[in-house]
Amino acid sequence: MKKGLRLRWRWGLAVALGACWPFAFAPFDLSFLAIVLLLALFWLSDAVTPRTAATIGLAFGFGAFAAGIYWLAIPLHNFAHMSWLLSAGAVALLALYCAIYPALSLWVAAKWWAQSRLFALPFLWVGAEWLRAHLFTGFPWLATGYSQTWSLLGGWAPLLGQYGVGLATAGVAALILFLIRHRADRRKAVAAIGGIVLLYAGAAFSQDIHWTARMHKQLTVRLIQGDVPVTEKWNVAKLSAVLDTYVKLILATPKGTNLVVLPETAFPVFQTQVPGLLRNLQRWSAEHHTNIILGIVEYAKHHYYNAALDIDGLAPWHWYRKQHLVPFGEYIPFPQLLAPLVRHFLPGLGSFTPGDGPSTLNVKGLKAGMTICYEESFSRDMPMNYSQRTGGQAYGPCTH
């Protein structure tokens, strides 16, 4: 009975700790909280059986993702017209799926590194995040490294990337717990302190290096946001007004602007539906020597793409097709199993095809790297942009 109570106490605490996890990220930016929460999680899962460690990780992960992605239920209810019960259930299932990965990391540590799990946990924790970002097209939301974007440990990003920053963060948490457990052993305490100092000193050193350089050639960019409500954006009766809003904003672009960037699906139509409008934009682009990167839905060879169209005067069009689609929004995971069920409730959902790889668009002789919205969370395709910290140039325009 007492053992059962202790386990329930651990599970309840793990859920509560996980629910605090999103506060380590923007817009709260409590970066230190990631270290505190990982320390507490490692402590909870220390000296327990592999099965118990896995359930603690599952409880923590469910709390973290339920709190971190709860907002997905709102568009599912408001715009996809799902009932609150169904939309909340879908989000809970996604949170439970994401929780499998921290559970896996704690289970492996307890199973094969029982005597040295504090040293194995940081690597296993980040390895599980890497796995979550790759399986089934990936869902890298709330990855540890992003919590340190504006903290000192974020200085490792230019050298080690997002996963390296996450490893340093989890490493600091494990070393602090090791120090607490072995504070009476001077040799081990000194080693733990030394490891923490090295992690922060290396990050500080990397942070002071200018890894990027300013371009000598300046690029003048105009970013346009039409402030069109989602309730109107996909309303056929409002289509003309939406297109007219963006066309007027494009035509108001000051002379000498090199690039105009519009949001994701700013034109909520297929390119085949507005050929005349696009030809007019081509002529305007040629007359003003201004590139336009336009979010629009592309229809090609019986496939639909969430895409960005680069209009460079009268030159042939160049397309960037979104590679990483939003699960249950732009594509349906396990389509043979889930597609009939999902489309019964939401006809037409998940009909996009992913793009065939990364590409760049040429803007006045410069290579512009492209991402569309959700893709920015995939660090393997877009490096973390620390240009504000290093004084360098941004990697390229993105459409949202």
Protein backbone atom coordinates (compact mmCIF):
# COMPACT_ATOMS: atom_id res chain seq x y z
CA MET A 1 0.00 0.00 0.00
CA LYS A 2 2.78 2.39 0.96
CA LYS A 3 4.66 1.54 -2.22
CA GLY A 4 1.55 2.28 -4.30
CA LEU A 5 1.11 5.63 -2.56
CA ARG A 6 4.76 6.52 -3.20
CA LEU A 7 4.38 5.66 -6.88
CA ARG A 8 1.21 7.75 -7.24
CA TRP A 9 3.00 10.62 -5.52
CA ARG A 10 5.87 10.35 -8.00
CA TRP A 11 3.49 10.22 -10.96
CA GLY A 12 1.50 13.19 -9.74
CA LEU A 13 4.65 15.22 -9.16
CA ALA A 14 5.98 14.23 -12.60
CA VAL A 15 2.79 15.46 -14.30
CA ALA A 16 2.98 18.75 -12.37
CA LEU A 17 6.66 19.21 -13.27
CA GLY A 18 5.91 18.46 -16.92
CA ALA A 19 3.10 21.02 -16.97
CA CYS A 20 5.71 23.66 -16.06
CA TRP A 21 7.96 22.68 -18.99
CA PRO A 22 6.49 25.17 -21.54
CA PHE A 23 7.41 28.08 -19.23
CA ALA A 24 11.08 27.47 -20.10
CA PHE A 25 10.32 28.50 -23.71
CA ALA A 26 9.16 31.67 -25.45
CA PRO A 27 7.30 33.84 -24.66
CA PHE A 28 8.09 33.15 -20.97
CA ASP A 29 11.83 32.45 -21.56
CA LEU A 30 12.46 31.04 -18.07
CA SER A 31 15.46 29.14 -19.41
CA PHE A 32 16.75 28.16 -15.96
CA LEU A 33 13.49 26.27 -15.42
CA ALA A 34 14.49 23.62 -17.96
CA ILE A 35 17.51 22.73 -15.80
CA VAL A 36 15.44 22.72 -12.60
CA LEU A 37 12.74 20.51 -14.11
CA LEU A 38 15.20 18.05 -15.64
CA LEU A 39 17.04 17.85 -12.32
CA ALA A 40 13.76 17.05 -10.54
CA LEU A 41 12.78 14.49 -13.19
CA PHE A 42 16.17 12.74 -13.01
CA TRP A 43 15.85 12.69 -9.22
CA LEU A 44 12.35 11.19 -9.39
CA SER A 45 13.51 8.44 -11.77
CA ASP A 46 16.71 7.63 -9.89
CA ALA A 47 17.00 4.32 -8.03
CA VAL A 48 13.71 2.92 -9.37
CA THR A 49 12.91 -0.01 -11.65
CA PRO A 50 12.93 0.47 -15.43
CA ARG A 51 9.14 0.14 -15.53
CA THR A 52 8.65 2.79 -12.85
CA ALA A 53 11.15 5.08 -14.56
CA ALA A 54 9.21 4.73 -17.82
CA THR A 55 5.88 5.60 -16.16
CA ILE A 56 7.47 8.66 -14.53
CA GLY A 57 8.79 9.75 -17.93
CA LEU A 58 5.38 9.15 -19.48
CA ALA A 59 3.69 11.24 -16.77
CA PHE A 60 6.21 14.08 -17.19
CA GLY A 61 5.93 14.00 -20.98
CA PHE A 62 2.14 13.98 -20.94
CA GLY A 63 2.07 16.96 -18.57
CA ALA A 64 4.61 18.84 -20.71
CA PHE A 65 2.86 18.31 -24.03
CA ALA A 66 -0.68 18.62 -22.74
CA ALA A 67 0.31 22.05 -21.41
CA GLY A 68 2.43 22.89 -24.45
CA ILE A 69 0.04 21.99 -27.26
CA TYR A 70 -3.36 22.47 -25.61
CA TRP A 71 -4.01 25.38 -27.97
CA LEU A 72 -4.35 22.97 -30.91
CA ALA A 73 -7.80 22.12 -29.58
CA ILE A 74 -8.95 25.70 -30.21
CA PRO A 75 -8.47 25.79 -34.02
CA LEU A 76 -9.76 22.21 -34.25
CA HIS A 77 -12.95 23.36 -32.54
CA ASN A 78 -13.30 26.88 -33.97
CA PHE A 79 -12.17 26.31 -37.56
CA ALA A 80 -12.41 22.56 -38.16
CA HIS A 81 -15.76 22.47 -36.32
CA MET A 82 -14.86 19.52 -34.11
CA SER A 83 -16.65 19.22 -30.78
CA TRP A 84 -14.66 20.26 -27.72
CA LEU A 85 -14.65 16.64 -26.54
CA LEU A 86 -13.27 15.34 -29.84
CA SER A 87 -10.69 18.12 -30.26
CA ALA A 88 -9.46 17.75 -26.66
CA GLY A 89 -9.25 13.99 -27.15
CA ALA A 90 -7.15 14.42 -30.31
CA VAL A 91 -4.73 16.74 -28.52
CA ALA A 92 -4.53 14.37 -25.54
CA LEU A 93 -3.65 11.49 -27.87
CA LEU A 94 -0.90 13.56 -29.50
CA ALA A 95 0.45 14.53 -26.05
CA LEU A 96 0.42 10.88 -25.01
CA TYR A 97 2.31 9.90 -28.16
CA CYS A 98 4.97 12.58 -27.53
CA ALA A 99 5.28 11.37 -23.92
CA ILE A 100 6.51 7.99 -25.14
CA TYR A 101 9.92 9.48 -25.94
CA PRO A 102 10.89 10.79 -22.47
CA ALA A 103 9.50 7.52 -21.09
CA LEU A 104 11.79 5.62 -23.45
CA SER A 105 14.88 7.60 -22.41
CA LEU A 106 14.27 6.98 -18.69
CA TRP A 107 13.47 3.30 -19.28
CA VAL A 108 16.69 2.69 -21.24
CA ALA A 109 18.74 4.51 -18.60
CA ALA A 110 17.27 2.39 -15.79
CA LYS A 111 17.50 -0.84 -17.80
CA TRP A 112 21.07 -0.70 -19.08
CA TRP A 113 22.76 2.04 -17.07
CA ALA A 114 21.28 1.52 -13.63
CA GLN A 115 24.56 2.23 -11.86
CA SER A 116 25.54 5.22 -13.99
CA ARG A 117 22.21 6.55 -15.20
CA LEU A 118 23.05 10.18 -14.35
CA PHE A 119 25.83 10.08 -16.93
CA ALA A 120 23.69 8.31 -19.54
CA LEU A 121 20.48 10.32 -19.09
CA PRO A 122 21.54 13.55 -20.87
CA PHE A 123 22.53 11.58 -23.99
CA LEU A 124 19.42 9.40 -23.88
CA TRP A 125 17.16 12.39 -23.27
CA VAL A 126 18.45 14.26 -26.32
CA GLY A 127 18.56 11.05 -28.35
CA ALA A 128 14.86 10.53 -27.66
CA GLU A 129 14.16 14.12 -28.77
CA TRP A 130 16.07 13.44 -31.99
CA LEU A 131 13.96 10.32 -32.53
CA ARG A 132 10.74 12.26 -31.94
CA ALA A 133 11.84 14.82 -34.54
CA HIS A 134 12.39 12.14 -37.20
CA LEU A 135 9.82 9.35 -36.85
CA PHE A 136 6.59 9.74 -38.87
CA THR A 137 7.93 13.00 -40.44
CA GLY A 138 8.73 14.26 -36.92
CA PHE A 139 7.26 16.47 -34.23
CA PRO A 140 10.15 18.42 -32.63
CA TRP A 141 7.98 20.69 -30.47
CA LEU A 142 9.39 21.81 -27.09
CA ALA A 143 12.87 20.39 -27.72
CA THR A 144 15.18 21.18 -24.79
CA GLY A 145 17.76 23.15 -26.77
CA TYR A 146 15.26 25.82 -27.77
CA SER A 147 14.68 26.71 -24.13
CA GLN A 148 18.21 28.14 -24.00
CA THR A 149 17.99 30.39 -27.06
CA TRP A 150 18.76 33.54 -25.07
CA SER A 151 20.65 31.99 -22.17
CA LEU A 152 24.39 31.48 -21.80
CA LEU A 153 24.18 27.79 -22.74
CA GLY A 154 22.74 28.87 -26.08
CA GLY A 155 26.28 29.88 -27.00
CA TRP A 156 26.90 26.23 -27.98
CA ALA A 157 24.39 26.50 -30.85
CA PRO A 158 26.81 27.61 -33.62
CA LEU A 159 29.08 24.66 -32.82
CA LEU A 160 26.70 21.92 -31.72
CA GLY A 161 23.27 22.98 -32.94
CA GLN A 162 20.00 22.67 -31.08
CA TYR A 163 20.66 19.12 -29.91
CA GLY A 164 24.07 20.09 -28.57
CA VAL A 165 22.47 22.88 -26.56
CA GLY A 166 19.90 20.39 -25.25
CA LEU A 167 22.69 17.99 -24.29
CA ALA A 168 24.51 20.75 -22.38
CA THR A 169 21.28 21.69 -20.59
CA ALA A 170 20.50 18.12 -19.55
CA GLY A 171 24.18 17.67 -18.65
CA VAL A 172 24.10 20.60 -16.25
CA ALA A 173 20.96 19.19 -14.60
CA ALA A 174 22.57 15.75 -14.20
CA LEU A 175 25.81 17.22 -12.83
CA ILE A 176 23.97 19.35 -10.25
CA LEU A 177 22.07 16.27 -9.06
CA PHE A 178 25.35 14.31 -8.95
CA LEU A 179 26.89 17.12 -6.90
CA ILE A 180 23.98 17.08 -4.44
CA ARG A 181 24.19 13.31 -4.03
CA HIS A 182 27.99 13.26 -3.58
CA ARG A 183 28.60 16.60 -1.86
CA ALA A 184 30.38 14.77 0.98
CA ASP A 185 32.91 13.26 -1.45
CA ARG A 186 35.31 16.07 -2.22
CA ARG A 187 36.78 14.46 -5.35
CA LYS A 188 33.36 13.81 -6.93
CA ALA A 189 32.04 17.21 -5.89
CA VAL A 190 35.00 18.98 -7.50
CA ALA A 191 34.59 16.91 -10.67
CA ALA A 192 30.89 17.84 -10.89
CA ILE A 193 31.60 21.53 -10.34
CA GLY A 194 34.37 21.38 -12.93
CA GLY A 195 32.02 19.83 -15.47
CA ILE A 196 29.40 22.53 -14.92
CA VAL A 197 32.01 25.28 -15.20
CA LEU A 198 33.37 23.79 -18.43
CA LEU A 199 29.91 23.65 -20.00
CA TYR A 200 29.20 27.30 -19.21
CA ALA A 201 32.74 28.49 -20.00
CA GLY A 202 32.68 26.78 -23.40
CA ALA A 203 29.29 28.33 -24.17
CA ALA A 204 30.53 31.78 -23.12
CA PHE A 205 33.63 31.42 -25.32
CA SER A 206 31.56 30.34 -28.32
CA GLN A 207 29.10 33.17 -27.71
CA ASP A 208 31.81 35.79 -28.01
CA ILE A 209 32.95 34.58 -31.44
CA HIS A 210 31.38 36.26 -34.46
CA TRP A 211 30.36 33.20 -36.44
CA THR A 212 28.60 35.20 -39.13
CA ALA A 213 29.50 38.32 -41.08
CA ARG A 214 27.40 41.18 -42.33
CA MET A 215 26.75 41.28 -46.06
CA HIS A 216 28.32 44.14 -47.96
CA LYS A 217 25.34 44.11 -50.28
CA GLN A 218 22.22 45.39 -48.56
CA LEU A 219 18.81 43.92 -49.23
CA THR A 220 15.70 46.04 -48.70
CA VAL A 221 12.76 43.87 -47.68
CA ARG A 222 9.08 44.69 -47.19
CA LEU A 223 7.11 42.23 -45.04
CA ILE A 224 3.35 42.32 -45.60
CA GLN A 225 0.73 41.01 -43.19
CA GLY A 226 -2.81 41.62 -44.35
CA ASP A 227 -4.40 40.96 -40.94
CA VAL A 228 -7.09 38.81 -42.54
CA PRO A 229 -9.13 36.86 -39.94
CA VAL A 230 -8.97 33.09 -40.39
CA THR A 231 -12.77 33.03 -40.45
CA GLU A 232 -12.63 35.17 -43.62
CA LYS A 233 -9.47 33.81 -45.23
CA TRP A 234 -11.05 30.55 -46.44
CA ASN A 235 -14.54 31.99 -46.97
CA VAL A 236 -15.31 31.89 -50.70
CA ALA A 237 -17.52 34.96 -50.37
CA LYS A 238 -14.56 36.93 -48.97
CA LEU A 239 -11.97 35.71 -51.51
CA SER A 240 -12.03 38.82 -53.71
CA ALA A 241 -11.62 41.08 -50.67
CA VAL A 242 -8.66 39.03 -49.39
CA LEU A 243 -6.86 39.12 -52.73
CA ASP A 244 -7.62 42.83 -53.14
CA THR A 245 -6.14 43.56 -49.68
CA TYR A 246 -2.82 41.95 -50.54
CA VAL A 247 -2.61 43.37 -54.05
CA LYS A 248 -3.10 46.91 -52.71
CA LEU A 249 -0.38 46.35 -50.10
CA ILE A 250 2.02 45.05 -52.77
CA LEU A 251 1.33 48.02 -55.06
CA ALA A 252 2.03 50.40 -52.16
CA THR A 253 5.61 49.08 -51.86
CA PRO A 254 8.16 51.93 -51.87
CA LYS A 255 10.49 52.20 -54.86
CA GLY A 256 13.89 50.60 -54.40
CA THR A 257 12.55 47.66 -52.38
CA ASN A 258 14.36 44.46 -53.41
CA LEU A 259 11.98 41.91 -51.96
CA VAL A 260 8.34 41.70 -50.85
CA VAL A 261 7.36 38.75 -48.63
CA LEU A 262 3.76 37.69 -48.04
CA PRO A 263 2.52 35.18 -45.42
CA GLU A 264 1.77 31.48 -45.74
CA THR A 265 -1.22 30.96 -48.08
CA ALA A 266 -1.75 34.72 -48.31
CA PHE A 267 -3.54 33.87 -51.56
CA PRO A 268 -5.94 31.09 -50.41
CA VAL A 269 -6.40 29.75 -53.95
CA PHE A 270 -4.57 27.52 -56.41
CA GLN A 271 -2.22 29.26 -58.82
CA THR A 272 -4.34 27.84 -61.65
CA GLN A 273 -7.34 29.85 -60.43
CA VAL A 274 -5.72 33.30 -60.69
CA PRO A 275 -3.39 33.20 -63.73
CA GLY A 276 -4.28 36.74 -64.80
CA LEU A 277 -3.55 38.19 -61.37
CA LEU A 278 -0.18 36.42 -61.19
CA ARG A 279 0.77 37.67 -64.67
CA ASN A 280 -0.03 41.23 -63.54
CA LEU A 281 2.19 40.74 -60.48
CA GLN A 282 4.96 39.51 -62.79
CA ARG A 283 4.73 42.69 -64.85
CA TRP A 284 4.76 44.83 -61.69
CA SER A 285 7.79 42.91 -60.42
CA ALA A 286 9.65 43.49 -63.71
CA GLU A 287 8.82 47.21 -63.80
CA HIS A 288 9.88 47.80 -60.17
CA HIS A 289 12.82 45.32 -60.11
CA THR A 290 11.30 43.79 -56.98
CA ASN A 291 11.02 40.09 -56.17
CA ILE A 292 7.79 38.82 -54.61
CA ILE A 293 7.68 35.71 -52.43
CA LEU A 294 4.05 34.77 -52.17
CA GLY A 295 2.38 32.11 -50.02
CA ILE A 296 -0.10 30.25 -52.23
CA VAL A 297 -1.46 26.73 -52.66
CA GLU A 298 0.11 24.98 -55.66
CA TYR A 299 -1.67 22.36 -57.74
CA ALA A 300 0.68 20.28 -59.86
CA LYS A 301 0.37 16.78 -61.36
CA HIS A 302 -2.69 15.90 -59.28
CA HIS A 303 -0.97 16.92 -56.02
CA TYR A 304 -1.61 19.84 -53.67
CA TYR A 305 1.29 21.70 -52.04
CA ASN A 306 1.49 24.38 -49.37
CA ALA A 307 4.00 26.49 -51.25
CA ALA A 308 5.89 29.75 -51.65
CA LEU A 309 6.08 31.22 -55.14
CA ASP A 310 9.03 33.40 -56.13
CA ILE A 311 8.04 35.97 -58.75
CA ASP A 312 11.13 37.57 -60.28
CA GLY A 313 9.89 39.79 -63.05
CA LEU A 314 9.14 37.90 -66.26
CA ALA A 315 11.54 35.07 -65.39
CA PRO A 316 10.11 31.55 -64.96
CA TRP A 317 8.50 30.94 -61.59
CA HIS A 318 10.39 29.20 -58.82
CA TRP A 319 8.56 27.25 -56.12
CA TYR A 320 9.35 26.12 -52.61
CA ARG A 321 7.05 23.36 -51.36
CA LYS A 322 6.58 22.86 -47.64
CA GLN A 323 8.36 19.65 -46.60
CA HIS A 324 7.17 19.18 -43.01
CA LEU A 325 3.40 19.17 -42.85
CA VAL A 326 1.34 19.64 -39.68
CA PRO A 327 -0.06 16.28 -38.51
CA PHE A 328 -3.86 16.06 -38.65
CA GLY A 329 -3.93 19.49 -40.28
CA GLU A 330 -2.04 19.20 -43.55
CA TYR A 331 -1.52 15.45 -43.58
CA ILE A 332 -2.91 12.41 -41.75
CA PRO A 333 -0.39 10.04 -40.10
CA PHE A 334 -0.94 6.33 -40.86
CA PRO A 335 -3.36 7.26 -43.67
CA GLN A 336 -4.59 3.71 -44.36
CA LEU A 337 -5.64 3.39 -40.74
CA LEU A 338 -6.72 6.90 -39.76
CA ALA A 339 -7.71 8.66 -43.00
CA PRO A 340 -11.21 7.13 -43.30
CA LEU A 341 -12.01 8.02 -39.68
CA VAL A 342 -10.59 11.56 -39.80
CA ARG A 343 -12.18 12.41 -43.14
CA HIS A 344 -15.52 11.12 -41.91
CA PHE A 345 -15.52 13.99 -39.40
CA LEU A 346 -13.47 16.48 -41.44
CA PRO A 347 -13.81 15.98 -45.21
CA GLY A 348 -10.80 17.21 -47.19
CA LEU A 349 -8.46 17.45 -44.19
CA GLY A 350 -4.88 16.33 -44.61
CA SER A 351 -4.77 16.44 -48.42
CA PHE A 352 -1.40 18.16 -48.90
CA THR A 353 1.68 16.43 -50.34
CA PRO A 354 5.08 17.20 -48.75
CA GLY A 355 7.76 18.87 -50.83
CA ASP A 356 10.66 16.85 -52.15
CA GLY A 357 13.48 18.54 -50.23
CA PRO A 358 15.05 21.83 -49.21
CA SER A 359 15.64 24.52 -51.78
CA THR A 360 16.68 28.14 -51.99
CA LEU A 361 15.25 31.00 -54.00
CA ASN A 362 17.41 33.58 -55.72
CA VAL A 363 16.82 37.15 -54.58
CA LYS A 364 19.00 39.74 -56.29
CA GLY A 365 21.94 37.38 -56.52
CA LEU A 366 21.52 36.09 -52.96
CA LYS A 367 20.35 32.66 -51.86
CA ALA A 368 17.21 32.91 -49.72
CA GLY A 369 16.56 29.90 -47.51
CA MET A 370 12.87 29.08 -47.19
CA THR A 371 10.74 27.67 -44.41
CA ILE A 372 6.98 27.81 -43.94
CA CYS A 373 5.60 28.17 -40.40
CA TYR A 374 5.79 24.80 -38.59
CA GLU A 375 9.02 23.91 -40.44
CA GLU A 376 11.03 26.38 -38.37
CA SER A 377 10.97 23.92 -35.46
CA PHE A 378 13.07 21.42 -37.48
CA SER A 379 16.61 22.40 -36.60
CA ARG A 380 18.13 19.88 -39.02
CA ASP A 381 16.70 21.87 -41.93
CA MET A 382 17.06 25.37 -40.56
CA PRO A 383 19.93 26.32 -38.19
CA MET A 384 18.97 28.23 -35.05
CA ASN A 385 19.32 31.87 -36.03
CA TYR A 386 21.56 33.66 -33.55
CA SER A 387 22.15 36.60 -35.89
CA GLN A 388 20.86 39.09 -33.32
CA ARG A 389 23.45 37.79 -30.87
CA THR A 390 26.41 37.66 -33.27
CA GLY A 391 25.56 40.64 -35.43
CA GLY A 392 25.33 38.46 -38.53
CA GLN A 393 22.87 38.35 -41.38
CA ALA A 394 19.68 36.32 -41.04
CA TYR A 395 19.57 33.04 -42.94
CA GLY A 396 16.72 34.02 -45.21
CA PRO A 397 13.10 35.07 -45.40
CA CYS A 398 10.36 32.77 -44.16
CA THR A 399 6.69 32.85 -44.94
CA HIS A 400 4.23 32.45 -42.10
